[in-house]
C-alpha atoms as a PDB file:
ATOM      1  CA  GLN A   1      -5.320  14.140  12.051  1.00  0.00           C
ATOM      2  CA  VAL A   2      -5.279  11.848   9.059  1.00  0.00           C
ATOM      3  CA  GLN A   3      -7.242   8.408   9.699  1.00  0.00           C
ATOM      4  CA  LEU A   4      -6.369   5.430   7.438  1.00  0.00           C
ATOM      5  CA  VAL A   5      -7.891   1.696   6.606  1.00  0.00           C
ATOM      6  CA  GLU A   6      -6.506  -0.747   5.108  1.00  0.00           C
ATOM      7  CA  SER A   7      -8.738  -3.699   3.124  1.00  0.00           C
ATOM      8  CA  GLY A   8      -8.288  -6.087   1.114  1.00  0.00           C
ATOM      9  CA  GLY A   9      -6.100  -8.798   1.806  1.00  0.00           C
ATOM     10  CA  GLY A  10      -6.171 -12.694   2.713  1.00  0.00           C
ATOM     11  CA  LEU A  11      -5.130 -15.759   1.281  1.00  0.00           C
ATOM     12  CA  VAL A  12      -4.324 -16.507  -2.241  1.00  0.00           C
ATOM     13  CA  GLN A  13      -2.505 -19.216  -4.115  1.00  0.00           C
ATOM     14  CA  ALA A  14       1.028 -18.568  -5.937  1.00  0.00           C
ATOM     15  CA  GLY A  15       0.016 -16.203  -9.206  1.00  0.00           C
ATOM     16  CA  GLY A  16      -3.098 -14.914  -7.558  1.00  0.00           C
ATOM     17  CA  SER A  17      -3.926 -11.630  -7.718  1.00  0.00           C
ATOM     18  CA  LEU A  18      -5.194  -9.233  -4.941  1.00  0.00           C
ATOM     19  CA  ARG A  19      -6.485  -5.743  -4.883  1.00  0.00           C
ATOM     20  CA  LEU A  20      -5.500  -3.582  -1.378  1.00  0.00           C
ATOM     21  CA  SER A  21      -7.035  -0.761  -0.298  1.00  0.00           C
ATOM     22  CA  CYS A  22      -6.561   2.618   2.352  1.00  0.00           C
ATOM     23  CA  ALA A  23      -9.248   4.762   2.730  1.00  0.00           C
ATOM     24  CA  ALA A  24      -8.403   7.886   4.439  1.00  0.00           C
ATOM     25  CA  SER A  25     -10.168  10.389   6.522  1.00  0.00           C
ATOM     26  CA  GLY A  26      -9.100  14.077   6.092  1.00  0.00           C
ATOM     27  CA  SER A  27      -9.329  16.455   3.533  1.00  0.00           C
ATOM     28  CA  ILE A  28      -5.041  16.349   3.690  1.00  0.00           C
ATOM     29  CA  PHE A  29      -5.356  13.311   1.153  1.00  0.00           C
ATOM     30  CA  ARG A  30      -5.335  14.949  -1.618  1.00  0.00           C
ATOM     31  CA  ILE A  31      -2.519  16.229  -0.994  1.00  0.00           C
ATOM     32  CA  SER A  32      -0.375  13.254   0.413  1.00  0.00           C
ATOM     33  CA  ALA A  33       1.968  11.649  -0.902  1.00  0.00           C
ATOM     34  CA  MET A  34       0.726   7.815  -0.173  1.00  0.00           C
ATOM     35  CA  GLY A  35       3.367   5.006  -0.207  1.00  0.00           C
ATOM     36  CA  TRP A  36       2.491   1.274   0.581  1.00  0.00           C
ATOM     37  CA  TYR A  37       4.933  -0.327   2.513  1.00  0.00           C
ATOM     38  CA  ARG A  38       5.210  -4.367   4.463  1.00  0.00           C
ATOM     39  CA  GLN A  39       6.504  -6.437   6.578  1.00  0.00           C
ATOM     40  CA  ALA A  40       6.941 -10.021   6.558  1.00  0.00           C
ATOM     41  CA  PRO A  41       7.781 -12.568  10.381  1.00  0.00           C
ATOM     42  CA  GLY A  42      11.423 -11.732  11.703  1.00  0.00           C
ATOM     43  CA  LYS A  43      12.037  -8.758   8.593  1.00  0.00           C
ATOM     44  CA  GLN A  44      12.148  -5.000   8.982  1.00  0.00           C
ATOM     45  CA  ARG A  45       9.267  -3.444   7.240  1.00  0.00           C
ATOM     46  CA  GLU A  46      10.069  -1.911   3.078  1.00  0.00           C
ATOM     47  CA  LEU A  47       8.761   0.491   0.944  1.00  0.00           C
ATOM     48  CA  VAL A  48       6.792  -1.623  -2.013  1.00  0.00           C
ATOM     49  CA  ALA A  49       5.285   1.542  -3.499  1.00  0.00           C
ATOM     50  CA  THR A  50       4.400   5.579  -3.949  1.00  0.00           C
ATOM     51  CA  ILE A  51       2.591   7.835  -5.312  1.00  0.00           C
ATOM     52  CA  THR A  52       2.727  11.828  -5.701  1.00  0.00           C
ATOM     53  CA  SER A  53      -0.345  13.569  -5.123  1.00  0.00           C
ATOM     54  CA  SER A  54       0.118  14.651  -8.362  1.00  0.00           C
ATOM     55  CA  GLY A  55      -0.160  10.089  -8.539  1.00  0.00           C
ATOM     56  CA  SER A  56       3.504   9.704 -10.608  1.00  0.00           C
ATOM     57  CA  THR A  57       4.729   6.635  -9.039  1.00  0.00           C
ATOM     58  CA  ASN A  58       7.719   4.371  -7.954  1.00  0.00           C
ATOM     59  CA  TYR A  59       7.932   0.781  -7.350  1.00  0.00           C
ATOM     60  CA  ALA A  60      10.793  -1.183  -5.223  1.00  0.00           C
ATOM     61  CA  ASP A  61      12.569  -3.821  -7.778  1.00  0.00           C
ATOM     62  CA  SER A  62      11.249  -6.652  -6.064  1.00  0.00           C
ATOM     63  CA  VAL A  63       7.629  -5.752  -6.769  1.00  0.00           C
ATOM     64  CA  LYS A  64       7.861  -3.751 -10.223  1.00  0.00           C
ATOM     65  CA  GLY A  65       5.489  -4.827 -13.267  1.00  0.00           C
ATOM     66  CA  ARG A  66       3.423  -6.482 -11.246  1.00  0.00           C
ATOM     67  CA  PHE A  67       2.222  -4.213  -8.333  1.00  0.00           C
ATOM     68  CA  THR A  68       0.239  -1.010  -9.164  1.00  0.00           C
ATOM     69  CA  ILE A  69      -0.048   1.567  -6.723  1.00  0.00           C
ATOM     70  CA  SER A  70      -3.231   3.726  -7.482  1.00  0.00           C
ATOM     71  CA  ARG A  71      -5.448   6.959  -6.411  1.00  0.00           C
ATOM     72  CA  ASP A  72      -9.249   7.885  -6.391  1.00  0.00           C
ATOM     73  CA  ASN A  73      -8.927  11.598  -4.538  1.00  0.00           C
ATOM     74  CA  ALA A  74     -12.570  12.482  -5.078  1.00  0.00           C
ATOM     75  CA  LYS A  75     -12.691   9.333  -2.678  1.00  0.00           C
ATOM     76  CA  ASN A  76      -9.700   9.738  -0.228  1.00  0.00           C
ATOM     77  CA  THR A  77      -8.545   6.122  -1.371  1.00  0.00           C
ATOM     78  CA  VAL A  78      -5.266   4.344  -1.981  1.00  0.00           C
ATOM     79  CA  TYR A  79      -4.591   1.145  -4.296  1.00  0.00           C
ATOM     80  CA  LEU A  80      -2.273  -1.500  -4.789  1.00  0.00           C
ATOM     81  CA  GLN A  81      -2.921  -4.118  -7.057  1.00  0.00           C
ATOM     82  CA  VAL A  82      -1.270  -6.628  -6.385  1.00  0.00           C
ATOM     83  CA  ASN A  83      -0.678  -9.773  -9.172  1.00  0.00           C
ATOM     84  CA  SER A  84       1.474 -12.487  -9.679  1.00  0.00           C
ATOM     85  CA  LEU A  85       1.556 -13.300  -6.576  1.00  0.00           C
ATOM     86  CA  LYS A  86       4.757 -15.244  -4.781  1.00  0.00           C
ATOM     87  CA  PRO A  87       4.620 -16.858  -1.396  1.00  0.00           C
ATOM     88  CA  GLU A  88       8.302 -13.724  -0.459  1.00  0.00           C
ATOM     89  CA  ASP A  89       5.250 -11.145  -1.258  1.00  0.00           C
ATOM     90  CA  THR A  90       3.419 -12.551   2.029  1.00  0.00           C
ATOM     91  CA  ALA A  91       3.510  -9.789   5.227  1.00  0.00           C
ATOM     92  CA  VAL A  92       1.505  -7.540   5.844  1.00  0.00           C
ATOM     93  CA  TYR A  93       0.821  -4.298   4.283  1.00  0.00           C
ATOM     94  CA  TYR A  94       0.133  -1.025   5.691  1.00  0.00           C
ATOM     95  CA  CYS A  95      -0.539   2.229   3.690  1.00  0.00           C
ATOM     96  CA  ALA A  96       1.028   5.311   5.209  1.00  0.00           C
ATOM     97  CA  THR A  97       1.513   8.937   4.526  1.00  0.00           C
ATOM     98  CA  ILE A  98       4.867  10.167   3.082  1.00  0.00           C
ATOM     99  CA  PRO A  99       5.725  12.993   5.279  1.00  0.00           C
ATOM    100  CA  LEU A 100       6.018  16.172   3.284  1.00  0.00           C
ATOM    101  CA  GLY A 101       5.547  20.428   4.142  1.00  0.00           C
ATOM    102  CA  PRO A 102       1.945  20.015   5.890  1.00  0.00           C
ATOM    103  CA  VAL A 103       1.501  16.253   6.039  1.00  0.00           C
ATOM    104  CA  GLY A 104       2.839  14.376   8.874  1.00  0.00           C
ATOM    105  CA  ARG A 105       3.805  10.210   9.345  1.00  0.00           C
ATOM    106  CA  TYR A 106       0.171   8.249   9.503  1.00  0.00           C
ATOM    107  CA  TRP A 107      -0.399   5.006   9.717  1.00  0.00           C
ATOM    108  CA  GLY A 108      -2.541   2.613   9.266  1.00  0.00           C
ATOM    109  CA  GLN A 109      -2.799  -0.731  11.131  1.00  0.00           C
ATOM    110  CA  GLY A 110      -2.166  -3.282   8.486  1.00  0.00           C
ATOM    111  CA  THR A 111      -3.680  -5.822   6.308  1.00  0.00           C
ATOM    112  CA  GLN A 112      -2.065  -9.692   5.570  1.00  0.00           C
ATOM    113  CA  VAL A 113      -0.955 -10.930   2.100  1.00  0.00           C
ATOM    114  CA  THR A 114      -0.418 -14.959   2.768  1.00  0.00           C
ATOM    115  CA  VAL A 115       0.567 -16.545  -0.156  1.00  0.00           C
ATOM    116  CA  SER A 116       0.590 -20.293  -0.576  1.00  0.00           C
ATOM    117  CA  SER A 117       2.605 -22.223  -2.672  1.00  0.00           C
END
């Protein structure tokens, strides 16, 4: 069982930055690939960024060059640094495990990011 708790969201002006955090319980975190997703009102949830257990990263085209995913296995935490925010980045941001091998799918409760123009 894995519990994920996101934090760091908020209201920010366009061009601003935030650092989202996702704290995980359970020793399985260290072998888990992790992802950040977002869901805007009236839209489907979309994948924003992923990071493997060894630190390899991948990004959606819409956030490349602006968002950075990272992890600290000693703290069981994955981060999403979001820079140069745009109003279209407004969404609830979720972290989740990437199902692979012994690792199932787990979701956090989400953190709201609102970008004003």
